[in-house]
C-alpha atoms as a PDB file:
ATOM      1  CA  UNK A   1      16.214 -58.057 -74.752  1.00  0.00           C
ATOM      2  CA  UNK A   2      19.931 -58.377 -73.639  1.00  0.00           C
ATOM      3  CA  UNK A   3      22.117 -56.211 -75.992  1.00  0.00           C
ATOM      4  CA  UNK A   4      25.339 -56.218 -73.528  1.00  0.00           C
ATOM      5  CA  UNK A   5      27.136 -58.475 -75.647  1.00  0.00           C
ATOM      6  CA  UNK A   6      26.842 -56.263 -78.790  1.00  0.00           C
ATOM      7  CA  UNK A   7      29.779 -53.984 -79.361  1.00  0.00           C
ATOM      8  CA  UNK A   8      29.424 -51.186 -81.719  1.00  0.00           C
ATOM      9  CA  UNK A   9      32.475 -49.545 -83.155  1.00  0.00           C
ATOM     10  CA  UNK A  10      33.738 -47.687 -86.163  1.00  0.00           C
ATOM     11  CA  UNK A  11      34.797 -49.734 -89.212  1.00  0.00           C
ATOM     12  CA  UNK A  12      38.609 -50.033 -89.765  1.00  0.00           C
ATOM     13  CA  UNK A  13      40.551 -51.063 -92.999  1.00  0.00           C
ATOM     14  CA  UNK A  14      40.876 -54.650 -91.273  1.00  0.00           C
ATOM     15  CA  UNK A  15      37.000 -54.985 -91.479  1.00  0.00           C
ATOM     16  CA  UNK A  16      36.671 -55.041 -95.365  1.00  0.00           C
ATOM     17  CA  UNK A  17      36.038 -58.854 -95.793  1.00  0.00           C
ATOM     18  CA  UNK A  18      33.313 -58.854 -92.866  1.00  0.00           C
ATOM     19  CA  UNK A  19      31.882 -55.519 -94.031  1.00  0.00           C
ATOM     20  CA  UNK A  20      31.726 -56.728 -97.705  1.00  0.00           C
ATOM     21  CA  UNK A  21      29.669 -59.821 -96.890  1.00  0.00           C
ATOM     22  CA  UNK A  22      27.252 -57.785 -95.096  1.00  0.00           C
ATOM     23  CA  UNK A  23      26.912 -55.017 -97.741  1.00  0.00           C
ATOM     24  CA  UNK A  24      26.534 -57.762-100.471  1.00  0.00           C
ATOM     25  CA  UNK A  25      23.767 -59.282 -98.409  1.00  0.00           C
ATOM     26  CA  UNK A  26      22.215 -55.769 -98.180  1.00  0.00           C
ATOM     27  CA  UNK A  27      22.344 -55.163-101.809  1.00  0.00           C
ATOM     28  CA  UNK A  28      20.566 -58.529-102.557  1.00  0.00           C
ATOM     29  CA  UNK A  29      18.007 -57.525 -99.953  1.00  0.00           C
ATOM     30  CA  UNK A  30      17.219 -54.312-102.071  1.00  0.00           C
ATOM     31  CA  UNK A  31      17.439 -56.144-105.356  1.00  0.00           C
ATOM     32  CA  UNK A  32      20.626 -54.326-106.585  1.00  0.00           C
ATOM     33  CA  UNK A  33      23.065 -55.755-108.777  1.00  0.00           C
ATOM     34  CA  UNK A  34      26.170 -57.136-107.076  1.00  0.00           C
ATOM     35  CA  UNK A  35      28.719 -54.550-108.244  1.00  0.00           C
ATOM     36  CA  UNK A  36      32.570 -54.691-107.378  1.00  0.00           C
ATOM     37  CA  UNK A  37      32.711 -51.134-108.325  1.00  0.00           C
ATOM     38  CA  UNK A  38      29.997 -50.084-105.905  1.00  0.00           C
ATOM     39  CA  UNK A  39      31.727 -52.099-103.201  1.00  0.00           C
ATOM     40  CA  UNK A  40      35.193 -50.740-103.850  1.00  0.00           C
ATOM     41  CA  UNK A  41      33.791 -47.210-104.049  1.00  0.00           C
ATOM     42  CA  UNK A  42      31.683 -47.240-101.030  1.00  0.00           C
ATOM     43  CA  UNK A  43      34.437 -49.009 -98.956  1.00  0.00           C
ATOM     44  CA  UNK A  44      36.797 -46.342-100.161  1.00  0.00           C
ATOM     45  CA  UNK A  45      34.365 -43.473 -99.023  1.00  0.00           C
ATOM     46  CA  UNK A  46      34.179 -45.284 -95.532  1.00  0.00           C
ATOM     47  CA  UNK A  47      37.919 -45.641 -94.863  1.00  0.00           C
ATOM     48  CA  UNK A  48      39.071 -42.442 -96.325  1.00  0.00           C
ATOM     49  CA  UNK A  49      39.538 -40.163 -93.231  1.00  0.00           C
ATOM     50  CA  UNK A  50      38.234 -37.289 -95.510  1.00  0.00           C
ATOM     51  CA  UNK A  51      35.579 -39.414 -97.330  1.00  0.00           C
ATOM     52  CA  UNK A  52      31.984 -38.562 -97.329  1.00  0.00           C
ATOM     53  CA  UNK A  53      30.702 -41.517 -95.521  1.00  0.00           C
ATOM     54  CA  UNK A  54      31.372 -43.368 -92.168  1.00  0.00           C
ATOM     55  CA  UNK A  55      30.339 -46.873 -90.973  1.00  0.00           C
ATOM     56  CA  UNK A  56      29.600 -48.334 -87.645  1.00  0.00           C
ATOM     57  CA  UNK A  57      29.751 -52.007 -87.161  1.00  0.00           C
ATOM     58  CA  UNK A  58      27.884 -54.297 -84.760  1.00  0.00           C
ATOM     59  CA  UNK A  59      30.038 -57.060 -83.338  1.00  0.00           C
ATOM     60  CA  UNK A  60      28.349 -60.020 -81.469  1.00  0.00           C
ATOM     61  CA  UNK A  61      30.311 -63.063 -80.244  1.00  0.00           C
ATOM     62  CA  UNK A  62      33.298 -62.041 -82.160  1.00  0.00           C
ATOM     63  CA  UNK A  63      31.495 -61.797 -85.592  1.00  0.00           C
ATOM     64  CA  UNK A  64      30.488 -58.579 -87.455  1.00  0.00           C
ATOM     65  CA  UNK A  65      26.688 -58.954 -87.722  1.00  0.00           C
ATOM     66  CA  UNK A  66      25.498 -55.336 -88.694  1.00  0.00           C
ATOM     67  CA  UNK A  67      26.290 -52.053 -90.173  1.00  0.00           C
ATOM     68  CA  UNK A  68      25.058 -48.456 -90.198  1.00  0.00           C
ATOM     69  CA  UNK A  69      26.559 -46.194 -92.889  1.00  0.00           C
ATOM     70  CA  UNK A  70      26.056 -42.512 -92.364  1.00  0.00           C
ATOM     71  CA  UNK A  71      27.152 -39.145 -93.398  1.00  0.00           C
ATOM     72  CA  UNK A  72      26.859 -35.352 -92.321  1.00  0.00           C
ATOM     73  CA  UNK A  73      24.638 -33.178 -94.534  1.00  0.00           C
ATOM     74  CA  UNK A  74      24.371 -29.439 -94.456  1.00  0.00           C
ATOM     75  CA  UNK A  75      21.006 -27.841 -94.232  1.00  0.00           C
ATOM     76  CA  UNK A  76      20.660 -24.488 -95.965  1.00  0.00           C
ATOM     77  CA  UNK A  77      17.660 -23.300 -94.139  1.00  0.00           C
ATOM     78  CA  UNK A  78      19.261 -23.377 -90.716  1.00  0.00           C
ATOM     79  CA  UNK A  79      22.761 -23.214 -91.596  1.00  0.00           C
ATOM     80  CA  UNK A  80      23.367 -26.440 -89.536  1.00  0.00           C
ATOM     81  CA  UNK A  81      24.437 -29.967 -90.014  1.00  0.00           C
ATOM     82  CA  UNK A  82      22.435 -33.035 -89.604  1.00  0.00           C
ATOM     83  CA  UNK A  83      23.177 -36.714 -89.985  1.00  0.00           C
ATOM     84  CA  UNK A  84      21.811 -39.088 -92.601  1.00  0.00           C
ATOM     85  CA  UNK A  85      21.804 -42.882 -92.293  1.00  0.00           C
ATOM     86  CA  UNK A  86      22.274 -44.350 -95.761  1.00  0.00           C
ATOM     87  CA  UNK A  87      22.325 -47.977 -95.017  1.00  0.00           C
ATOM     88  CA  UNK A  88      21.272 -50.024 -91.925  1.00  0.00           C
ATOM     89  CA  UNK A  89      21.736 -53.815 -92.266  1.00  0.00           C
ATOM     90  CA  UNK A  90      21.723 -56.829 -89.800  1.00  0.00           C
ATOM     91  CA  UNK A  91      22.751 -60.273 -90.851  1.00  0.00           C
ATOM     92  CA  UNK A  92      19.667 -62.489 -90.709  1.00  0.00           C
ATOM     93  CA  UNK A  93      20.972 -65.060 -88.060  1.00  0.00           C
ATOM     94  CA  UNK A  94      21.515 -61.786 -85.678  1.00  0.00           C
ATOM     95  CA  UNK A  95      18.148 -60.275 -86.091  1.00  0.00           C
ATOM     96  CA  UNK A  96      15.846 -59.965 -83.004  1.00  0.00           C
ATOM     97  CA  UNK A  97      18.768 -59.526 -80.678  1.00  0.00           C
ATOM     98  CA  UNK A  98      18.742 -55.661 -80.557  1.00  0.00           C
ATOM     99  CA  UNK A  99      21.611 -55.120 -83.083  1.00  0.00           C
ATOM    100  CA  UNK A 100      19.771 -52.475 -85.106  1.00  0.00           C
ATOM    101  CA  UNK A 101      18.650 -50.758 -81.908  1.00  0.00           C
ATOM    102  CA  UNK A 102      22.270 -50.796 -80.646  1.00  0.00           C
ATOM    103  CA  UNK A 103      23.522 -49.491 -84.006  1.00  0.00           C
ATOM    104  CA  UNK A 104      20.833 -46.722 -83.879  1.00  0.00           C
ATOM    105  CA  UNK A 105      21.557 -45.744 -80.402  1.00  0.00           C
ATOM    106  CA  UNK A 106      25.282 -45.421 -81.101  1.00  0.00           C
ATOM    107  CA  UNK A 107      24.506 -43.340 -84.290  1.00  0.00           C
ATOM    108  CA  UNK A 108      22.323 -41.035 -81.955  1.00  0.00           C
ATOM    109  CA  UNK A 109      25.186 -40.532 -79.680  1.00  0.00           C
ATOM    110  CA  UNK A 110      27.653 -39.808 -82.598  1.00  0.00           C
ATOM    111  CA  UNK A 111      24.971 -37.390 -83.964  1.00  0.00           C
ATOM    112  CA  UNK A 112      24.798 -35.432 -80.544  1.00  0.00           C
ATOM    113  CA  UNK A 113      28.487 -35.364 -80.140  1.00  0.00           C
ATOM    114  CA  UNK A 114      28.994 -33.775 -83.402  1.00  0.00           C
ATOM    115  CA  UNK A 115      26.296 -31.173 -82.732  1.00  0.00           C
ATOM    116  CA  UNK A 116      23.915 -32.464 -85.546  1.00  0.00           C
ATOM    117  CA  UNK A 117      20.414 -31.384 -85.010  1.00  0.00           C
ATOM    118  CA  UNK A 118      18.652 -34.406 -86.271  1.00  0.00           C
ATOM    119  CA  UNK A 119      19.185 -37.709 -87.950  1.00  0.00           C
ATOM    120  CA  UNK A 120      17.318 -38.685 -91.185  1.00  0.00           C
ATOM    121  CA  UNK A 121      16.868 -41.859 -93.117  1.00  0.00           C
ATOM    122  CA  UNK A 122      14.621 -43.554 -95.490  1.00  0.00           C
ATOM    123  CA  UNK A 123      13.380 -47.201 -95.857  1.00  0.00           C
ATOM    124  CA  UNK A 124      11.153 -49.053 -98.377  1.00  0.00           C
ATOM    125  CA  UNK A 125       7.525 -48.591 -97.644  1.00  0.00           C
ATOM    126  CA  UNK A 126       7.020 -52.336 -97.451  1.00  0.00           C
ATOM    127  CA  UNK A 127       9.988 -52.941 -95.090  1.00  0.00           C
ATOM    128  CA  UNK A 128       7.825 -53.670 -92.143  1.00  0.00           C
ATOM    129  CA  UNK A 129      10.541 -55.131 -89.861  1.00  0.00           C
ATOM    130  CA  UNK A 130      12.689 -51.942 -90.031  1.00  0.00           C
ATOM    131  CA  UNK A 131       9.669 -49.703 -89.860  1.00  0.00           C
ATOM    132  CA  UNK A 132       8.763 -51.324 -86.638  1.00  0.00           C
ATOM    133  CA  UNK A 133      11.988 -50.321 -85.042  1.00  0.00           C
ATOM    134  CA  UNK A 134      11.910 -46.843 -86.710  1.00  0.00           C
ATOM    135  CA  UNK A 135       8.589 -46.173 -85.415  1.00  0.00           C
ATOM    136  CA  UNK A 136       9.607 -46.819 -81.973  1.00  0.00           C
ATOM    137  CA  UNK A 137      12.720 -44.310 -82.098  1.00  0.00           C
ATOM    138  CA  UNK A 138      11.577 -41.565 -84.433  1.00  0.00           C
ATOM    139  CA  UNK A 139       8.737 -40.029 -86.236  1.00  0.00           C
ATOM    140  CA  UNK A 140       7.986 -40.491 -89.867  1.00  0.00           C
ATOM    141  CA  UNK A 141       8.265 -37.186 -91.844  1.00  0.00           C
ATOM    142  CA  UNK A 142       5.627 -35.570 -93.904  1.00  0.00           C
ATOM    143  CA  UNK A 143       8.160 -35.250 -96.835  1.00  0.00           C
ATOM    144  CA  UNK A 144       7.746 -37.135-100.030  1.00  0.00           C
ATOM    145  CA  UNK A 145      10.988 -38.589-101.561  1.00  0.00           C
ATOM    146  CA  UNK A 146      11.303 -38.127-105.480  1.00  0.00           C
ATOM    147  CA  UNK A 147      13.825 -39.795-107.695  1.00  0.00           C
ATOM    148  CA  UNK A 148      14.698 -38.703-111.166  1.00  0.00           C
ATOM    149  CA  UNK A 149      16.935 -41.460-112.652  1.00  0.00           C
ATOM    150  CA  UNK A 150      19.628 -39.972-115.082  1.00  0.00           C
ATOM    151  CA  UNK A 151      21.592 -42.992-116.207  1.00  0.00           C
ATOM    152  CA  UNK A 152      20.308 -45.565-118.640  1.00  0.00           C
END
């Protein structure tokens, strides 16, 4: 798989439209309601230099075709920081070209540069495509994720 023509770079203010198209598709993929509020809030987090989240974009043949949204997380048991990947998405037409792997490779470089001791992420149990990649680059954890919904 040739990934030479995939550029991975941080999102900038000028990327809003391209990012939004991908993020809307990501929301649909996970069955979320398309929400202008969620889009605006998430983009605000990404472009605010002091915001809680960052975003890497994958550009192939001049088109933004993938995103990886992540953040730093403190771990109390070690007094150290780690990175957490919140969202990874590749446009359907760019899948199978190494885009997701390129995003994960770059995110690993970011993590090492920042001194994070690990990266974490979750995915849906039935997301076989993503899990094939994840199983090649990481180990599934023994932790079980719980959710307590607090809003109606």
